């Protein structure tokens, strides 16, 4: 799937339609010392089964594409889900 490099869309900060630079959102690095991580590590210690219910073997085929739109006038960024789900690989053209 091809996504345009820039698009004209509404900027909530400028309160008007302006040109926006498009980039893909990437997953951030997981924090190993977050509260949930520490709790899960503590629960996993020792004998016993899994502390949480196991995941089902059914997976979603398509992924949601999240775009980061950066306004060329005020340089503010906003996120937008683009075409809810797609199976194709995304490239910015």
PDB file of N, CA and C in Angstrom:
ATOM      1  N   UNK A   1       0.838  -1.171   0.000  1.00  0.00           N
ATOM      2  CA  UNK A   1       0.000   0.000   0.000  1.00  0.00           C
ATOM      3  C   UNK A   1       0.888   1.240   0.000  1.00  0.00           C
ATOM      4  N   UNK A   2       0.595   2.173  -0.863  1.00  0.00           N
ATOM      5  CA  UNK A   2       1.391   3.387  -0.981  1.00  0.00           C
ATOM      6  C   UNK A   2       0.686   4.553  -0.295  1.00  0.00           C
ATOM      7  N   UNK A   3       1.434   5.247   0.553  1.00  0.00           N
ATOM      8  CA  UNK A   3       0.911   6.395   1.288  1.00  0.00           C
ATOM      9  C   UNK A   3       1.655   7.628   0.798  1.00  0.00           C
ATOM     10  N   UNK A   4       0.961   8.741   0.525  1.00  0.00           N
ATOM     11  CA  UNK A   4       1.651   9.939   0.043  1.00  0.00           C
ATOM     12  C   UNK A   4       2.593  10.522   1.098  1.00  0.00           C
ATOM     13  N   UNK A   5       3.702  11.131   0.623  1.00  0.00           N
ATOM     14  CA  UNK A   5       4.712  11.692   1.524  1.00  0.00           C
ATOM     15  C   UNK A   5       4.194  12.926   2.264  1.00  0.00           C
ATOM     16  N   UNK A   6       3.307  13.664   1.620  1.00  0.00           N
ATOM     17  CA  UNK A   6       2.683  14.808   2.290  1.00  0.00           C
ATOM     18  C   UNK A   6       1.216  14.873   1.884  1.00  0.00           C
ATOM     19  N   UNK A   7       0.376  15.331   2.817  1.00  0.00           N
ATOM     20  CA  UNK A   7      -1.048  15.439   2.515  1.00  0.00           C
ATOM     21  C   UNK A   7      -1.622  16.708   3.130  1.00  0.00           C
ATOM     22  N   UNK A   8      -2.637  17.230   2.472  1.00  0.00           N
ATOM     23  CA  UNK A   8      -3.301  18.436   2.952  1.00  0.00           C
ATOM     24  C   UNK A   8      -4.458  18.004   3.846  1.00  0.00           C
ATOM     25  N   UNK A   9      -4.345  18.303   5.140  1.00  0.00           N
ATOM     26  CA  UNK A   9      -5.369  17.878   6.087  1.00  0.00           C
ATOM     27  C   UNK A   9      -5.495  18.878   7.232  1.00  0.00           C
ATOM     28  N   UNK A  10      -6.514  18.690   8.071  1.00  0.00           N
ATOM     29  CA  UNK A  10      -6.822  19.645   9.135  1.00  0.00           C
ATOM     30  C   UNK A  10      -5.811  19.555  10.277  1.00  0.00           C
ATOM     31  N   UNK A  11      -5.332  20.722  10.722  1.00  0.00           N
ATOM     32  CA  UNK A  11      -4.439  20.813  11.877  1.00  0.00           C
ATOM     33  C   UNK A  11      -5.232  21.419  13.035  1.00  0.00           C
ATOM     34  N   UNK A  12      -5.417  20.665  14.134  1.00  0.00           N
ATOM     35  CA  UNK A  12      -6.198  21.195  15.254  1.00  0.00           C
ATOM     36  C   UNK A  12      -5.524  22.366  15.964  1.00  0.00           C
ATOM     37  N   UNK A  13      -4.201  22.471  15.845  1.00  0.00           N
ATOM     38  CA  UNK A  13      -3.493  23.576  16.498  1.00  0.00           C
ATOM     39  C   UNK A  13      -3.643  24.871  15.701  1.00  0.00           C
ATOM     40  N   UNK A  14      -3.486  24.785  14.376  1.00  0.00           N
ATOM     41  CA  UNK A  14      -3.651  25.966  13.501  1.00  0.00           C
ATOM     42  C   UNK A  14      -5.132  26.269  13.250  1.00  0.00           C
ATOM     43  N   UNK A  15      -5.981  25.264  13.456  1.00  0.00           N
ATOM     44  CA  UNK A  15      -7.423  25.346  13.193  1.00  0.00           C
ATOM     45  C   UNK A  15      -7.749  25.624  11.728  1.00  0.00           C
ATOM     46  N   UNK A  16      -6.965  25.026  10.851  1.00  0.00           N
ATOM     47  CA  UNK A  16      -7.239  25.142   9.415  1.00  0.00           C
ATOM     48  C   UNK A  16      -6.557  23.988   8.685  1.00  0.00           C
ATOM     49  N   UNK A  17      -6.858  23.837   7.411  1.00  0.00           N
ATOM     50  CA  UNK A  17      -6.224  22.813   6.591  1.00  0.00           C
ATOM     51  C   UNK A  17      -4.848  23.298   6.155  1.00  0.00           C
ATOM     52  N   UNK A  18      -3.836  22.489   6.436  1.00  0.00           N
ATOM     53  CA  UNK A  18      -2.467  22.818   6.034  1.00  0.00           C
ATOM     54  C   UNK A  18      -1.791  21.573   5.481  1.00  0.00           C
ATOM     55  N   UNK A  19      -0.629  21.768   4.894  1.00  0.00           N
ATOM     56  CA  UNK A  19       0.170  20.666   4.366  1.00  0.00           C
ATOM     57  C   UNK A  19       0.844  19.944   5.541  1.00  0.00           C
ATOM     58  N   UNK A  20       0.785  18.606   5.534  1.00  0.00           N
ATOM     59  CA  UNK A  20       1.379  17.801   6.602  1.00  0.00           C
ATOM     60  C   UNK A  20       2.390  16.816   6.024  1.00  0.00           C
ATOM     61  N   UNK A  21       3.494  16.636   6.729  1.00  0.00           N
ATOM     62  CA  UNK A  21       4.507  15.654   6.373  1.00  0.00           C
ATOM     63  C   UNK A  21       4.104  14.325   7.015  1.00  0.00           C
ATOM     64  N   UNK A  22       4.195  13.222   6.265  1.00  0.00           N
ATOM     65  CA  UNK A  22       3.715  11.928   6.745  1.00  0.00           C
ATOM     66  C   UNK A  22       4.885  11.008   7.074  1.00  0.00           C
ATOM     67  N   UNK A  23       4.803  10.341   8.240  1.00  0.00           N
ATOM     68  CA  UNK A  23       5.766   9.295   8.586  1.00  0.00           C
ATOM     69  C   UNK A  23       5.021   8.182   9.315  1.00  0.00           C
ATOM     70  N   UNK A  24       5.616   6.995   9.341  1.00  0.00           N
ATOM     71  CA  UNK A  24       4.981   5.849   9.989  1.00  0.00           C
ATOM     72  C   UNK A  24       5.339   5.813  11.469  1.00  0.00           C
ATOM     73  N   UNK A  25       4.378   5.463  12.313  1.00  0.00           N
ATOM     74  CA  UNK A  25       4.624   5.337  13.749  1.00  0.00           C
ATOM     75  C   UNK A  25       5.262   3.980  14.010  1.00  0.00           C
ATOM     76  N   UNK A  26       6.261   3.966  14.871  1.00  0.00           N
ATOM     77  CA  UNK A  26       6.928   2.720  15.228  1.00  0.00           C
ATOM     78  C   UNK A  26       6.703   2.435  16.710  1.00  0.00           C
ATOM     79  N   UNK A  27       6.768   1.186  17.059  1.00  0.00           N
ATOM     80  CA  UNK A  27       6.583   0.785  18.449  1.00  0.00           C
ATOM     81  C   UNK A  27       7.806   1.214  19.247  1.00  0.00           C
ATOM     82  N   UNK A  28       7.554   1.785  20.418  1.00  0.00           N
ATOM     83  CA  UNK A  28       8.645   2.228  21.283  1.00  0.00           C
ATOM     84  C   UNK A  28       9.285   1.066  22.022  1.00  0.00           C
ATOM     85  N   UNK A  29      10.437   1.331  22.628  1.00  0.00           N
ATOM     86  CA  UNK A  29      11.152   0.305  23.367  1.00  0.00           C
ATOM     87  C   UNK A  29      10.405   0.024  24.674  1.00  0.00           C
ATOM     88  N   UNK A  30      10.245  -1.255  24.999  1.00  0.00           N
ATOM     89  CA  UNK A  30       9.523  -1.639  26.204  1.00  0.00           C
ATOM     90  C   UNK A  30      10.369  -1.344  27.439  1.00  0.00           C
ATOM     91  N   UNK A  31       9.755  -0.751  28.454  1.00  0.00           N
ATOM     92  CA  UNK A  31      10.487  -0.424  29.681  1.00  0.00           C
ATOM     93  C   UNK A  31      10.530  -1.656  30.582  1.00  0.00           C
ATOM     94  N   UNK A  32      11.722  -2.107  30.903  1.00  0.00           N
ATOM     95  CA  UNK A  32      11.865  -3.322  31.700  1.00  0.00           C
ATOM     96  C   UNK A  32      11.571  -3.085  33.177  1.00  0.00           C
ATOM     97  N   UNK A  33      11.588  -1.836  33.632  1.00  0.00           N
ATOM     98  CA  UNK A  33      11.372  -1.537  35.048  1.00  0.00           C
ATOM     99  C   UNK A  33       9.994  -0.935  35.325  1.00  0.00           C
ATOM    100  N   UNK A  34       9.074  -1.044  34.382  1.00  0.00           N
ATOM    101  CA  UNK A  34       7.728  -0.518  34.617  1.00  0.00           C
ATOM    102  C   UNK A  34       7.014  -1.394  35.650  1.00  0.00           C
ATOM    103  N   UNK A  35       6.007  -0.848  36.299  1.00  0.00           N
ATOM    104  CA  UNK A  35       5.330  -1.539  37.394  1.00  0.00           C
ATOM    105  C   UNK A  35       4.736  -2.872  36.948  1.00  0.00           C
ATOM    106  N   UNK A  36       4.085  -2.889  35.811  1.00  0.00           N
ATOM    107  CA  UNK A  36       3.477  -4.117  35.298  1.00  0.00           C
ATOM    108  C   UNK A  36       4.509  -5.189  35.005  1.00  0.00           C
ATOM    109  N   UNK A  37       5.651  -4.790  34.422  1.00  0.00           N
ATOM    110  CA  UNK A  37       6.747  -5.716  34.122  1.00  0.00           C
ATOM    111  C   UNK A  37       7.294  -6.338  35.407  1.00  0.00           C
ATOM    112  N   UNK A  38       7.493  -5.505  36.436  1.00  0.00           N
ATOM    113  CA  UNK A  38       8.045  -5.979  37.713  1.00  0.00           C
ATOM    114  C   UNK A  38       7.079  -6.939  38.404  1.00  0.00           C
ATOM    115  N   UNK A  39       5.787  -6.608  38.362  1.00  0.00           N
ATOM    116  CA  UNK A  39       4.779  -7.481  38.966  1.00  0.00           C
ATOM    117  C   UNK A  39       4.744  -8.838  38.251  1.00  0.00           C
ATOM    118  N   UNK A  40       4.771  -8.806  36.933  1.00  0.00           N
ATOM    119  CA  UNK A  40       4.709 -10.030  36.135  1.00  0.00           C
ATOM    120  C   UNK A  40       5.926 -10.909  36.402  1.00  0.00           C
ATOM    121  N   UNK A  41       7.109 -10.291  36.513  1.00  0.00           N
ATOM    122  CA  UNK A  41       8.342 -11.027  36.789  1.00  0.00           C
ATOM    123  C   UNK A  41       8.263 -11.707  38.164  1.00  0.00           C
ATOM    124  N   UNK A  42       7.691 -11.009  39.141  1.00  0.00           N
ATOM    125  CA  UNK A  42       7.539 -11.546  40.494  1.00  0.00           C
ATOM    126  C   UNK A  42       6.576 -12.733  40.495  1.00  0.00           C
ATOM    127  N   UNK A  43       5.485 -12.622  39.741  1.00  0.00           N
ATOM    128  CA  UNK A  43       4.491 -13.696  39.667  1.00  0.00           C
ATOM    129  C   UNK A  43       5.072 -14.929  38.975  1.00  0.00           C
ATOM    130  N   UNK A  44       5.924 -14.737  37.980  1.00  0.00           N
ATOM    131  CA  UNK A  44       6.494 -15.831  37.195  1.00  0.00           C
ATOM    132  C   UNK A  44       7.518 -16.654  37.974  1.00  0.00           C
ATOM    133  N   UNK A  45       8.011 -16.124  39.101  1.00  0.00           N
ATOM    134  CA  UNK A  45       9.026 -16.828  39.893  1.00  0.00           C
ATOM    135  C   UNK A  45       8.476 -18.149  40.430  1.00  0.00           C
ATOM    136  N   UNK A  46       9.351 -19.149  40.577  1.00  0.00           N
ATOM    137  CA  UNK A  46       8.992 -20.387  41.267  1.00  0.00           C
ATOM    138  C   UNK A  46       8.175 -21.344  40.427  1.00  0.00           C
ATOM    139  N   UNK A  47       7.546 -22.287  41.109  1.00  0.00           N
ATOM    140  CA  UNK A  47       6.765 -23.319  40.446  1.00  0.00           C
ATOM    141  C   UNK A  47       5.357 -22.818  40.159  1.00  0.00           C
ATOM    142  N   UNK A  48       4.640 -23.591  39.383  1.00  0.00           N
ATOM    143  CA  UNK A  48       3.251 -23.235  39.111  1.00  0.00           C
ATOM    144  C   UNK A  48       3.041 -22.940  37.644  1.00  0.00           C
ATOM    145  N   UNK A  49       1.794 -22.840  37.285  1.00  0.00           N
ATOM    146  CA  UNK A  49       1.440 -22.595  35.892  1.00  0.00           C
ATOM    147  C   UNK A  49       1.566 -21.128  35.531  1.00  0.00           C
ATOM    148  N   UNK A  50       1.002 -20.801  34.399  1.00  0.00           N
ATOM    149  CA  UNK A  50       1.046 -19.419  33.929  1.00  0.00           C
ATOM    150  C   UNK A  50       0.090 -18.569  34.762  1.00  0.00           C
ATOM    151  N   UNK A  51       0.518 -17.370  35.158  1.00  0.00           N
ATOM    152  CA  UNK A  51      -0.348 -16.526  35.978  1.00  0.00           C
ATOM    153  C   UNK A  51      -1.501 -15.896  35.198  1.00  0.00           C
ATOM    154  N   UNK A  52      -1.393 -15.901  33.908  1.00  0.00           N
ATOM    155  CA  UNK A  52      -2.447 -15.308  33.083  1.00  0.00           C
ATOM    156  C   UNK A  52      -2.987 -16.359  32.125  1.00  0.00           C
ATOM    157  N   UNK A  53      -4.182 -16.142  31.625  1.00  0.00           N
ATOM    158  CA  UNK A  53      -4.746 -17.096  30.678  1.00  0.00           C
ATOM    159  C   UNK A  53      -3.923 -17.075  29.394  1.00  0.00           C
ATOM    160  N   UNK A  54      -3.676 -18.256  28.816  1.00  0.00           N
ATOM    161  CA  UNK A  54      -2.860 -18.292  27.601  1.00  0.00           C
ATOM    162  C   UNK A  54      -3.577 -17.649  26.419  1.00  0.00           C
ATOM    163  N   UNK A  55      -2.788 -17.133  25.487  1.00  0.00           N
ATOM    164  CA  UNK A  55      -3.361 -16.506  24.298  1.00  0.00           C
ATOM    165  C   UNK A  55      -3.967 -17.560  23.386  1.00  0.00           C
ATOM    166  N   UNK A  56      -4.988 -17.177  22.659  1.00  0.00           N
ATOM    167  CA  UNK A  56      -5.597 -18.077  21.694  1.00  0.00           C
ATOM    168  C   UNK A  56      -4.706 -18.146  20.456  1.00  0.00           C
ATOM    169  N   UNK A  57      -4.877 -19.227  19.684  1.00  0.00           N
ATOM    170  CA  UNK A  57      -4.074 -19.412  18.486  1.00  0.00           C
ATOM    171  C   UNK A  57      -4.633 -18.670  17.281  1.00  0.00           C
ATOM    172  N   UNK A  58      -5.659 -17.842  17.493  1.00  0.00           N
ATOM    173  CA  UNK A  58      -6.251 -17.081  16.398  1.00  0.00           C
ATOM    174  C   UNK A  58      -5.598 -15.703  16.369  1.00  0.00           C
ATOM    175  N   UNK A  59      -5.009 -15.365  15.240  1.00  0.00           N
ATOM    176  CA  UNK A  59      -4.334 -14.080  15.118  1.00  0.00           C
ATOM    177  C   UNK A  59      -5.016 -13.232  14.061  1.00  0.00           C
ATOM    178  N   UNK A  60      -4.925 -11.946  14.216  1.00  0.00           N
ATOM    179  CA  UNK A  60      -5.462 -11.036  13.205  1.00  0.00           C
ATOM    180  C   UNK A  60      -4.518 -11.054  12.005  1.00  0.00           C
ATOM    181  N   UNK A  61      -5.089 -11.076  10.826  1.00  0.00           N
ATOM    182  CA  UNK A  61      -4.302 -11.170   9.605  1.00  0.00           C
ATOM    183  C   UNK A  61      -3.704  -9.813   9.254  1.00  0.00           C
ATOM    184  N   UNK A  62      -4.487  -8.773   9.450  1.00  0.00           N
ATOM    185  CA  UNK A  62      -4.066  -7.445   9.004  1.00  0.00           C
ATOM    186  C   UNK A  62      -3.648  -6.582  10.186  1.00  0.00           C
ATOM    187  N   UNK A  63      -2.830  -5.578   9.897  1.00  0.00           N
ATOM    188  CA  UNK A  63      -2.375  -4.660  10.935  1.00  0.00           C
ATOM    189  C   UNK A  63      -2.964  -3.281  10.702  1.00  0.00           C
ATOM    190  N   UNK A  64      -3.091  -2.530  11.802  1.00  0.00           N
ATOM    191  CA  UNK A  64      -3.533  -1.144  11.692  1.00  0.00           C
ATOM    192  C   UNK A  64      -2.318  -0.287  11.397  1.00  0.00           C
ATOM    193  N   UNK A  65      -2.483   0.650  10.469  1.00  0.00           N
ATOM    194  CA  UNK A  65      -1.388   1.547  10.122  1.00  0.00           C
ATOM    195  C   UNK A  65      -1.605   2.860  10.846  1.00  0.00           C
ATOM    196  N   UNK A  66      -0.637   3.248  11.672  1.00  0.00           N
ATOM    197  CA  UNK A  66      -0.719   4.528  12.360  1.00  0.00           C
ATOM    198  C   UNK A  66       0.269   5.480  11.709  1.00  0.00           C
ATOM    199  N   UNK A  67      -0.252   6.609  11.233  1.00  0.00           N
ATOM    200  CA  UNK A  67       0.592   7.623  10.610  1.00  0.00           C
ATOM    201  C   UNK A  67       0.836   8.758  11.591  1.00  0.00           C
ATOM    202  N   UNK A  68       2.024   9.365  11.505  1.00  0.00           N
ATOM    203  CA  UNK A  68       2.304  10.572  12.265  1.00  0.00           C
ATOM    204  C   UNK A  68       2.310  11.713  11.260  1.00  0.00           C
ATOM    205  N   UNK A  69       1.419  12.670  11.467  1.00  0.00           N
ATOM    206  CA  UNK A  69       1.299  13.822  10.580  1.00  0.00           C
ATOM    207  C   UNK A  69       1.925  15.030  11.265  1.00  0.00           C
ATOM    208  N   UNK A  70       2.911  15.644  10.599  1.00  0.00           N
ATOM    209  CA  UNK A  70       3.587  16.813  11.166  1.00  0.00           C
ATOM    210  C   UNK A  70       3.238  18.032  10.323  1.00  0.00           C
ATOM    211  N   UNK A  71       2.639  19.033  10.967  1.00  0.00           N
ATOM    212  CA  UNK A  71       2.213  20.248  10.275  1.00  0.00           C
ATOM    213  C   UNK A  71       3.443  21.038   9.836  1.00  0.00           C
ATOM    214  N   UNK A  72       3.433  21.516   8.592  1.00  0.00           N
ATOM    215  CA  UNK A  72       4.583  22.266   8.078  1.00  0.00           C
ATOM    216  C   UNK A  72       4.587  23.717   8.542  1.00  0.00           C
ATOM    217  N   UNK A  73       3.460  24.195   9.075  1.00  0.00           N
ATOM    218  CA  UNK A  73       3.402  25.579   9.569  1.00  0.00           C
ATOM    219  C   UNK A  73       3.786  25.682  11.045  1.00  0.00           C
ATOM    220  N   UNK A  74       3.153  24.867  11.895  1.00  0.00           N
ATOM    221  CA  UNK A  74       3.398  24.983  13.343  1.00  0.00           C
ATOM    222  C   UNK A  74       4.293  23.865  13.892  1.00  0.00           C
ATOM    223  N   UNK A  75       4.647  22.874  13.061  1.00  0.00           N
ATOM    224  CA  UNK A  75       5.500  21.734  13.435  1.00  0.00           C
ATOM    225  C   UNK A  75       4.927  20.855  14.550  1.00  0.00           C
ATOM    226  N   UNK A  76       3.626  20.929  14.790  1.00  0.00           N
ATOM    227  CA  UNK A  76       2.986  20.054  15.771  1.00  0.00           C
ATOM    228  C   UNK A  76       2.680  18.715  15.100  1.00  0.00           C
ATOM    229  N   UNK A  77       2.714  17.638  15.889  1.00  0.00           N
ATOM    230  CA  UNK A  77       2.455  16.307  15.357  1.00  0.00           C
ATOM    231  C   UNK A  77       1.133  15.769  15.878  1.00  0.00           C
ATOM    232  N   UNK A  78       0.493  14.944  15.053  1.00  0.00           N
ATOM    233  CA  UNK A  78      -0.722  14.248  15.467  1.00  0.00           C
ATOM    234  C   UNK A  78      -0.715  12.853  14.858  1.00  0.00           C
ATOM    235  N   UNK A  79      -1.369  11.909  15.526  1.00  0.00           N
ATOM    236  CA  UNK A  79      -1.442  10.541  15.037  1.00  0.00           C
ATOM    237  C   UNK A  79      -2.779  10.300  14.361  1.00  0.00           C
ATOM    238  N   UNK A  80      -2.760   9.419  13.370  1.00  0.00           N
ATOM    239  CA  UNK A  80      -3.999   9.054  12.692  1.00  0.00           C
ATOM    240  C   UNK A  80      -3.913   7.609  12.216  1.00  0.00           C
ATOM    241  N   UNK A  81      -4.992   6.853  12.445  1.00  0.00           N
ATOM    242  CA  UNK A  81      -5.065   5.493  11.925  1.00  0.00           C
ATOM    243  C   UNK A  81      -5.522   5.596  10.482  1.00  0.00           C
ATOM    244  N   UNK A  82      -4.736   5.022   9.578  1.00  0.00           N
ATOM    245  CA  UNK A  82      -4.975   5.162   8.150  1.00  0.00           C
ATOM    246  C   UNK A  82      -5.594   3.880   7.615  1.00  0.00           C
ATOM    247  N   UNK A  83      -6.800   3.984   7.066  1.00  0.00           N
ATOM    248  CA  UNK A  83      -7.502   2.842   6.457  1.00  0.00           C
ATOM    249  C   UNK A  83      -7.476   1.621   7.363  1.00  0.00           C
ATOM    250  N   UNK A  84      -8.130   1.718   8.476  1.00  0.00           N
ATOM    251  CA  UNK A  84      -8.132   0.805   9.623  1.00  0.00           C
ATOM    252  C   UNK A  84      -7.229  -0.437   9.531  1.00  0.00           C
ATOM    253  N   UNK A  85      -7.446  -1.337   8.596  1.00  0.00           N
ATOM    254  CA  UNK A  85      -6.590  -2.530   8.546  1.00  0.00           C
ATOM    255  C   UNK A  85      -6.160  -2.836   7.110  1.00  0.00           C
ATOM    256  N   UNK A  86      -4.924  -3.297   6.970  1.00  0.00           N
ATOM    257  CA  UNK A  86      -4.438  -3.666   5.650  1.00  0.00           C
ATOM    258  C   UNK A  86      -3.493  -4.855   5.756  1.00  0.00           C
ATOM    259  N   UNK A  87      -3.501  -5.703   4.732  1.00  0.00           N
ATOM    260  CA  UNK A  87      -2.607  -6.856   4.692  1.00  0.00           C
ATOM    261  C   UNK A  87      -1.303  -6.506   3.980  1.00  0.00           C
ATOM    262  N   UNK A  88      -1.358  -5.446   3.194  1.00  0.00           N
ATOM    263  CA  UNK A  88      -0.206  -5.107   2.368  1.00  0.00           C
ATOM    264  C   UNK A  88       0.866  -4.368   3.158  1.00  0.00           C
ATOM    265  N   UNK A  89       2.094  -4.400   2.640  1.00  0.00           N
ATOM    266  CA  UNK A  89       3.193  -3.663   3.256  1.00  0.00           C
ATOM    267  C   UNK A  89       3.037  -2.192   2.918  1.00  0.00           C
ATOM    268  N   UNK A  90       3.342  -1.330   3.849  1.00  0.00           N
ATOM    269  CA  UNK A  90       3.132   0.102   3.665  1.00  0.00           C
ATOM    270  C   UNK A  90       4.435   0.770   3.272  1.00  0.00           C
ATOM    271  N   UNK A  91       4.372   1.625   2.248  1.00  0.00           N
ATOM    272  CA  UNK A  91       5.543   2.427   1.884  1.00  0.00           C
ATOM    273  C   UNK A  91       5.103   3.853   1.591  1.00  0.00           C
ATOM    274  N   UNK A  92       5.952   4.794   2.004  1.00  0.00           N
ATOM    275  CA  UNK A  92       5.649   6.209   1.785  1.00  0.00           C
ATOM    276  C   UNK A  92       6.264   6.622   0.463  1.00  0.00           C
ATOM    277  N   UNK A  93       5.433   7.141  -0.424  1.00  0.00           N
ATOM    278  CA  UNK A  93       5.876   7.521  -1.774  1.00  0.00           C
ATOM    279  C   UNK A  93       5.846   9.029  -1.913  1.00  0.00           C
TER     280      UNK A  93
END
